[in-house]
Amino acid sequence: MNTIKEIIEHLEQSNVQVDEYKEQGKLCGYELNTYTDKGVNMLIFLDFRDTKKDVNSASDFIEIFNDR
């Protein structure tokens, strides 16, 4: 996957809702939301604040996701 859009499309096809997280209009990260088979809400926040990562970079998205 080469773009954020491709990553988000892949996640959403896997029943993971992806929302952008913004502060004062600036994109700071992504919120990944899904439910387990038992109905438990799973929420993962990929926070790019205080990192040197680019919030629009697919490779940085994957790196932060893997770190989580």
PDB file of N, CA and C in Angstrom:
ATOM      1  N   MET A   1       0.847  -1.174   0.000  1.00  0.00           N
ATOM      2  CA  MET A   1       0.000   0.000   0.000  1.00  0.00           C
ATOM      3  C   MET A   1       0.891   1.235   0.000  1.00  0.00           C
ATOM      4  N   ASN A   2       0.626   2.105  -0.942  1.00  0.00           N
ATOM      5  CA  ASN A   2       1.509   3.244  -1.133  1.00  0.00           C
ATOM      6  C   ASN A   2       0.958   4.563  -0.627  1.00  0.00           C
ATOM      7  N   THR A   3      -0.319   4.604  -0.307  1.00  0.00           N
ATOM      8  CA  THR A   3      -0.918   5.864   0.135  1.00  0.00           C
ATOM      9  C   THR A   3      -1.785   5.644   1.368  1.00  0.00           C
ATOM     10  N   ILE A   4      -2.019   6.721   2.091  1.00  0.00           N
ATOM     11  CA  ILE A   4      -2.918   6.676   3.244  1.00  0.00           C
ATOM     12  C   ILE A   4      -4.301   6.216   2.785  1.00  0.00           C
ATOM     13  N   LYS A   5      -4.741   6.711   1.647  1.00  0.00           N
ATOM     14  CA  LYS A   5      -6.065   6.342   1.133  1.00  0.00           C
ATOM     15  C   LYS A   5      -6.168   4.829   0.940  1.00  0.00           C
ATOM     16  N   GLU A   6      -5.138   4.215   0.382  1.00  0.00           N
ATOM     17  CA  GLU A   6      -5.143   2.762   0.182  1.00  0.00           C
ATOM     18  C   GLU A   6      -5.191   2.017   1.519  1.00  0.00           C
ATOM     19  N   ILE A   7      -4.441   2.505   2.488  1.00  0.00           N
ATOM     20  CA  ILE A   7      -4.435   1.884   3.815  1.00  0.00           C
ATOM     21  C   ILE A   7      -5.822   1.970   4.438  1.00  0.00           C
ATOM     22  N   ILE A   8      -6.419   3.150   4.384  1.00  0.00           N
ATOM     23  CA  ILE A   8      -7.746   3.354   4.976  1.00  0.00           C
ATOM     24  C   ILE A   8      -8.770   2.467   4.267  1.00  0.00           C
ATOM     25  N   GLU A   9      -8.725   2.387   2.956  1.00  0.00           N
ATOM     26  CA  GLU A   9      -9.649   1.524   2.212  1.00  0.00           C
ATOM     27  C   GLU A   9      -9.492   0.070   2.640  1.00  0.00           C
ATOM     28  N   HIS A  10      -8.248  -0.374   2.798  1.00  0.00           N
ATOM     29  CA  HIS A  10      -7.993  -1.750   3.223  1.00  0.00           C
ATOM     30  C   HIS A  10      -8.551  -1.999   4.627  1.00  0.00           C
ATOM     31  N   LEU A  11      -8.299  -1.080   5.548  1.00  0.00           N
ATOM     32  CA  LEU A  11      -8.808  -1.234   6.912  1.00  0.00           C
ATOM     33  C   LEU A  11     -10.330  -1.249   6.928  1.00  0.00           C
ATOM     34  N   GLU A  12     -10.945  -0.354   6.172  1.00  0.00           N
ATOM     35  CA  GLU A  12     -12.404  -0.282   6.171  1.00  0.00           C
ATOM     36  C   GLU A  12     -13.030  -1.524   5.530  1.00  0.00           C
ATOM     37  N   GLN A  13     -12.359  -2.134   4.570  1.00  0.00           N
ATOM     38  CA  GLN A  13     -12.833  -3.396   4.005  1.00  0.00           C
ATOM     39  C   GLN A  13     -12.740  -4.522   5.034  1.00  0.00           C
ATOM     40  N   SER A  14     -11.897  -4.323   6.054  1.00  0.00           N
ATOM     41  CA  SER A  14     -11.734  -5.297   7.136  1.00  0.00           C
ATOM     42  C   SER A  14     -12.579  -4.921   8.352  1.00  0.00           C
ATOM     43  N   ASN A  15     -13.582  -4.067   8.140  1.00  0.00           N
ATOM     44  CA  ASN A  15     -14.504  -3.627   9.192  1.00  0.00           C
ATOM     45  C   ASN A  15     -13.848  -2.798  10.288  1.00  0.00           C
ATOM     46  N   VAL A  16     -12.832  -2.030   9.927  1.00  0.00           N
ATOM     47  CA  VAL A  16     -12.210  -1.086  10.840  1.00  0.00           C
ATOM     48  C   VAL A  16     -12.541   0.312  10.333  1.00  0.00           C
ATOM     49  N   GLN A  17     -13.284   1.065  11.143  1.00  0.00           N
ATOM     50  CA  GLN A  17     -13.632   2.437  10.769  1.00  0.00           C
ATOM     51  C   GLN A  17     -12.438   3.330  11.082  1.00  0.00           C
ATOM     52  N   VAL A  18     -12.058   4.184  10.143  1.00  0.00           N
ATOM     53  CA  VAL A  18     -10.922   5.084  10.328  1.00  0.00           C
ATOM     54  C   VAL A  18     -11.421   6.520  10.245  1.00  0.00           C
ATOM     55  N   ASP A  19     -11.120   7.286  11.291  1.00  0.00           N
ATOM     56  CA  ASP A  19     -11.476   8.698  11.329  1.00  0.00           C
ATOM     57  C   ASP A  19     -10.220   9.518  11.550  1.00  0.00           C
ATOM     58  N   GLU A  20     -10.175  10.672  10.903  1.00  0.00           N
ATOM     59  CA  GLU A  20      -9.065  11.594  11.135  1.00  0.00           C
ATOM     60  C   GLU A  20      -9.266  12.290  12.474  1.00  0.00           C
ATOM     61  N   TYR A  21      -8.156  12.505  13.189  1.00  0.00           N
ATOM     62  CA  TYR A  21      -8.201  13.258  14.438  1.00  0.00           C
ATOM     63  C   TYR A  21      -7.519  14.596  14.193  1.00  0.00           C
ATOM     64  N   LYS A  22      -8.253  15.663  14.438  1.00  0.00           N
ATOM     65  CA  LYS A  22      -7.722  17.004  14.204  1.00  0.00           C
ATOM     66  C   LYS A  22      -7.798  17.834  15.479  1.00  0.00           C
ATOM     67  N   GLU A  23      -6.832  18.719  15.639  1.00  0.00           N
ATOM     68  CA  GLU A  23      -6.840  19.731  16.692  1.00  0.00           C
ATOM     69  C   GLU A  23      -6.652  21.080  16.015  1.00  0.00           C
ATOM     70  N   GLN A  24      -7.569  21.982  16.271  1.00  0.00           N
ATOM     71  CA  GLN A  24      -7.540  23.325  15.683  1.00  0.00           C
ATOM     72  C   GLN A  24      -7.344  23.251  14.165  1.00  0.00           C
ATOM     73  N   GLY A  25      -8.035  22.296  13.536  1.00  0.00           N
ATOM     74  CA  GLY A  25      -8.002  22.160  12.089  1.00  0.00           C
ATOM     75  C   GLY A  25      -6.790  21.448  11.531  1.00  0.00           C
ATOM     76  N   LYS A  26      -5.850  21.055  12.402  1.00  0.00           N
ATOM     77  CA  LYS A  26      -4.629  20.383  11.946  1.00  0.00           C
ATOM     78  C   LYS A  26      -4.755  18.883  12.192  1.00  0.00           C
ATOM     79  N   LEU A  27      -4.490  18.082  11.155  1.00  0.00           N
ATOM     80  CA  LEU A  27      -4.530  16.639  11.268  1.00  0.00           C
ATOM     81  C   LEU A  27      -3.396  16.170  12.179  1.00  0.00           C
ATOM     82  N   CYS A  28      -3.758  15.449  13.250  1.00  0.00           N
ATOM     83  CA  CYS A  28      -2.780  15.007  14.255  1.00  0.00           C
ATOM     84  C   CYS A  28      -2.664  13.496  14.348  1.00  0.00           C
ATOM     85  N   GLY A  29      -3.606  12.781  13.733  1.00  0.00           N
ATOM     86  CA  GLY A  29      -3.558  11.335  13.824  1.00  0.00           C
ATOM     87  C   GLY A  29      -4.829  10.706  13.294  1.00  0.00           C
ATOM     88  N   TYR A  30      -4.956   9.415  13.576  1.00  0.00           N
ATOM     89  CA  TYR A  30      -6.094   8.648  13.084  1.00  0.00           C
ATOM     90  C   TYR A  30      -6.649   7.798  14.220  1.00  0.00           C
ATOM     91  N   GLU A  31      -7.964   7.675  14.243  1.00  0.00           N
ATOM     92  CA  GLU A  31      -8.643   6.832  15.216  1.00  0.00           C
ATOM     93  C   GLU A  31      -9.197   5.620  14.480  1.00  0.00           C
ATOM     94  N   LEU A  32      -8.793   4.432  14.904  1.00  0.00           N
ATOM     95  CA  LEU A  32      -9.253   3.182  14.306  1.00  0.00           C
ATOM     96  C   LEU A  32     -10.240   2.548  15.271  1.00  0.00           C
ATOM     97  N   ASN A  33     -11.430   2.228  14.777  1.00  0.00           N
ATOM     98  CA  ASN A  33     -12.507   1.769  15.634  1.00  0.00           C
ATOM     99  C   ASN A  33     -13.129   0.502  15.043  1.00  0.00           C
ATOM    100  N   THR A  34     -13.235  -0.534  15.859  1.00  0.00           N
ATOM    101  CA  THR A  34     -13.873  -1.773  15.433  1.00  0.00           C
ATOM    102  C   THR A  34     -14.436  -2.492  16.649  1.00  0.00           C
ATOM    103  N   TYR A  35     -15.129  -3.581  16.408  1.00  0.00           N
ATOM    104  CA  TYR A  35     -15.693  -4.400  17.477  1.00  0.00           C
ATOM    105  C   TYR A  35     -15.179  -5.823  17.352  1.00  0.00           C
ATOM    106  N   THR A  36     -14.941  -6.469  18.492  1.00  0.00           N
ATOM    107  CA  THR A  36     -14.557  -7.873  18.473  1.00  0.00           C
ATOM    108  C   THR A  36     -15.791  -8.712  18.180  1.00  0.00           C
ATOM    109  N   ASP A  37     -15.588 -10.002  17.967  1.00  0.00           N
ATOM    110  CA  ASP A  37     -16.708 -10.915  17.724  1.00  0.00           C
ATOM    111  C   ASP A  37     -17.661 -10.980  18.916  1.00  0.00           C
ATOM    112  N   LYS A  38     -17.177 -10.634  20.099  1.00  0.00           N
ATOM    113  CA  LYS A  38     -18.001 -10.653  21.320  1.00  0.00           C
ATOM    114  C   LYS A  38     -18.624  -9.285  21.610  1.00  0.00           C
ATOM    115  N   GLY A  39     -18.453  -8.329  20.707  1.00  0.00           N
ATOM    116  CA  GLY A  39     -19.100  -7.027  20.854  1.00  0.00           C
ATOM    117  C   GLY A  39     -18.315  -5.987  21.635  1.00  0.00           C
ATOM    118  N   VAL A  40     -17.049  -6.258  21.928  1.00  0.00           N
ATOM    119  CA  VAL A  40     -16.227  -5.295  22.655  1.00  0.00           C
ATOM    120  C   VAL A  40     -15.685  -4.260  21.673  1.00  0.00           C
ATOM    121  N   ASN A  41     -15.866  -2.989  21.998  1.00  0.00           N
ATOM    122  CA  ASN A  41     -15.384  -1.908  21.152  1.00  0.00           C
ATOM    123  C   ASN A  41     -13.867  -1.780  21.297  1.00  0.00           C
ATOM    124  N   MET A  42     -13.157  -1.890  20.181  1.00  0.00           N
ATOM    125  CA  MET A  42     -11.701  -1.747  20.168  1.00  0.00           C
ATOM    126  C   MET A  42     -11.366  -0.416  19.496  1.00  0.00           C
ATOM    127  N   LEU A  43     -10.652   0.437  20.197  1.00  0.00           N
ATOM    128  CA  LEU A  43     -10.305   1.759  19.698  1.00  0.00           C
ATOM    129  C   LEU A  43      -8.796   1.924  19.768  1.00  0.00           C
ATOM    130  N   ILE A  44      -8.194   2.249  18.644  1.00  0.00           N
ATOM    131  CA  ILE A  44      -6.750   2.484  18.589  1.00  0.00           C
ATOM    132  C   ILE A  44      -6.537   3.888  18.046  1.00  0.00           C
ATOM    133  N   PHE A  45      -5.730   4.671  18.755  1.00  0.00           N
ATOM    134  CA  PHE A  45      -5.426   6.028  18.312  1.00  0.00           C
ATOM    135  C   PHE A  45      -3.983   6.072  17.842  1.00  0.00           C
ATOM    136  N   LEU A  46      -3.798   6.415  16.585  1.00  0.00           N
ATOM    137  CA  LEU A  46      -2.456   6.587  16.030  1.00  0.00           C
ATOM    138  C   LEU A  46      -2.118   8.071  16.112  1.00  0.00           C
ATOM    139  N   ASP A  47      -1.275   8.413  17.071  1.00  0.00           N
ATOM    140  CA  ASP A  47      -0.967   9.803  17.403  1.00  0.00           C
ATOM    141  C   ASP A  47       0.360  10.215  16.775  1.00  0.00           C
ATOM    142  N   PHE A  48       0.310  11.190  15.889  1.00  0.00           N
ATOM    143  CA  PHE A  48       1.518  11.683  15.226  1.00  0.00           C
ATOM    144  C   PHE A  48       2.107  12.899  15.939  1.00  0.00           C
ATOM    145  N   ARG A  49       1.392  13.421  16.931  1.00  0.00           N
ATOM    146  CA  ARG A  49       1.906  14.567  17.668  1.00  0.00           C
ATOM    147  C   ARG A  49       3.175  14.166  18.401  1.00  0.00           C
ATOM    148  N   ASP A  50       4.067  15.105  18.549  1.00  0.00           N
ATOM    149  CA  ASP A  50       5.330  14.887  19.265  1.00  0.00           C
ATOM    150  C   ASP A  50       6.173  13.779  18.638  1.00  0.00           C
ATOM    151  N   THR A  51       5.993  13.556  17.347  1.00  0.00           N
ATOM    152  CA  THR A  51       6.858  12.633  16.606  1.00  0.00           C
ATOM    153  C   THR A  51       7.418  13.413  15.425  1.00  0.00           C
ATOM    154  N   LYS A  52       8.369  12.852  14.793  1.00  0.00           N
ATOM    155  CA  LYS A  52       8.902  13.464  13.571  1.00  0.00           C
ATOM    156  C   LYS A  52       8.319  12.778  12.343  1.00  0.00           C
ATOM    157  N   LYS A  53       7.201  12.093  12.547  1.00  0.00           N
ATOM    158  CA  LYS A  53       6.538  11.356  11.476  1.00  0.00           C
ATOM    159  C   LYS A  53       5.561  12.264  10.734  1.00  0.00           C
ATOM    160  N   ASP A  54       5.367  11.962   9.455  1.00  0.00           N
ATOM    161  CA  ASP A  54       4.452  12.715   8.593  1.00  0.00           C
ATOM    162  C   ASP A  54       3.081  12.045   8.610  1.00  0.00           C
ATOM    163  N   VAL A  55       2.082  12.776   9.065  1.00  0.00           N
ATOM    164  CA  VAL A  55       0.724  12.250   9.194  1.00  0.00           C
ATOM    165  C   VAL A  55       0.134  11.843   7.842  1.00  0.00           C
ATOM    166  N   ASN A  56       0.722  12.298   6.751  1.00  0.00           N
ATOM    167  CA  ASN A  56       0.245  11.966   5.407  1.00  0.00           C
ATOM    168  C   ASN A  56       1.093  10.898   4.720  1.00  0.00           C
ATOM    169  N   SER A  57       2.033  10.313   5.438  1.00  0.00           N
ATOM    170  CA  SER A  57       2.933   9.308   4.872  1.00  0.00           C
ATOM    171  C   SER A  57       2.424   7.904   5.183  1.00  0.00           C
ATOM    172  N   ALA A  58       2.251   7.097   4.144  1.00  0.00           N
ATOM    173  CA  ALA A  58       1.790   5.722   4.329  1.00  0.00           C
ATOM    174  C   ALA A  58       2.793   4.919   5.153  1.00  0.00           C
ATOM    175  N   SER A  59       4.079   5.074   4.892  1.00  0.00           N
ATOM    176  CA  SER A  59       5.080   4.297   5.632  1.00  0.00           C
ATOM    177  C   SER A  59       5.118   4.714   7.101  1.00  0.00           C
ATOM    178  N   ASP A  60       4.940   6.000   7.391  1.00  0.00           N
ATOM    179  CA  ASP A  60       4.896   6.452   8.781  1.00  0.00           C
ATOM    180  C   ASP A  60       3.630   5.950   9.480  1.00  0.00           C
ATOM    181  N   PHE A  61       2.506   5.929   8.763  1.00  0.00           N
ATOM    182  CA  PHE A  61       1.261   5.385   9.305  1.00  0.00           C
ATOM    183  C   PHE A  61       1.478   3.931   9.727  1.00  0.00           C
ATOM    184  N   ILE A  62       2.053   3.144   8.839  1.00  0.00           N
ATOM    185  CA  ILE A  62       2.292   1.727   9.119  1.00  0.00           C
ATOM    186  C   ILE A  62       3.260   1.568  10.288  1.00  0.00           C
ATOM    187  N   GLU A  63       4.300   2.388  10.339  1.00  0.00           N
ATOM    188  CA  GLU A  63       5.267   2.303  11.435  1.00  0.00           C
ATOM    189  C   GLU A  63       4.613   2.600  12.780  1.00  0.00           C
ATOM    190  N   ILE A  64       3.825   3.662  12.852  1.00  0.00           N
ATOM    191  CA  ILE A  64       3.154   3.999  14.106  1.00  0.00           C
ATOM    192  C   ILE A  64       2.118   2.938  14.455  1.00  0.00           C
ATOM    193  N   PHE A  65       1.406   2.424  13.456  1.00  0.00           N
ATOM    194  CA  PHE A  65       0.457   1.338  13.698  1.00  0.00           C
ATOM    195  C   PHE A  65       1.169   0.126  14.294  1.00  0.00           C
ATOM    196  N   ASN A  66       2.279  -0.252  13.717  1.00  0.00           N
ATOM    197  CA  ASN A  66       3.039  -1.411  14.212  1.00  0.00           C
ATOM    198  C   ASN A  66       3.578  -1.181  15.622  1.00  0.00           C
ATOM    199  N   ASP A  67       3.951   0.048  15.933  1.00  0.00           N
ATOM    200  CA  ASP A  67       4.422   0.374  17.287  1.00  0.00           C
ATOM    201  C   ASP A  67       3.321   0.227  18.322  1.00  0.00           C
ATOM    202  N   ARG A  68       2.089   0.524  17.906  1.00  0.00           N
ATOM    203  CA  ARG A  68       0.938   0.393  18.812  1.00  0.00           C
ATOM    204  C   ARG A  68       0.662  -1.054  19.094  1.00  0.00           C
TER     205      ARG A  68
END
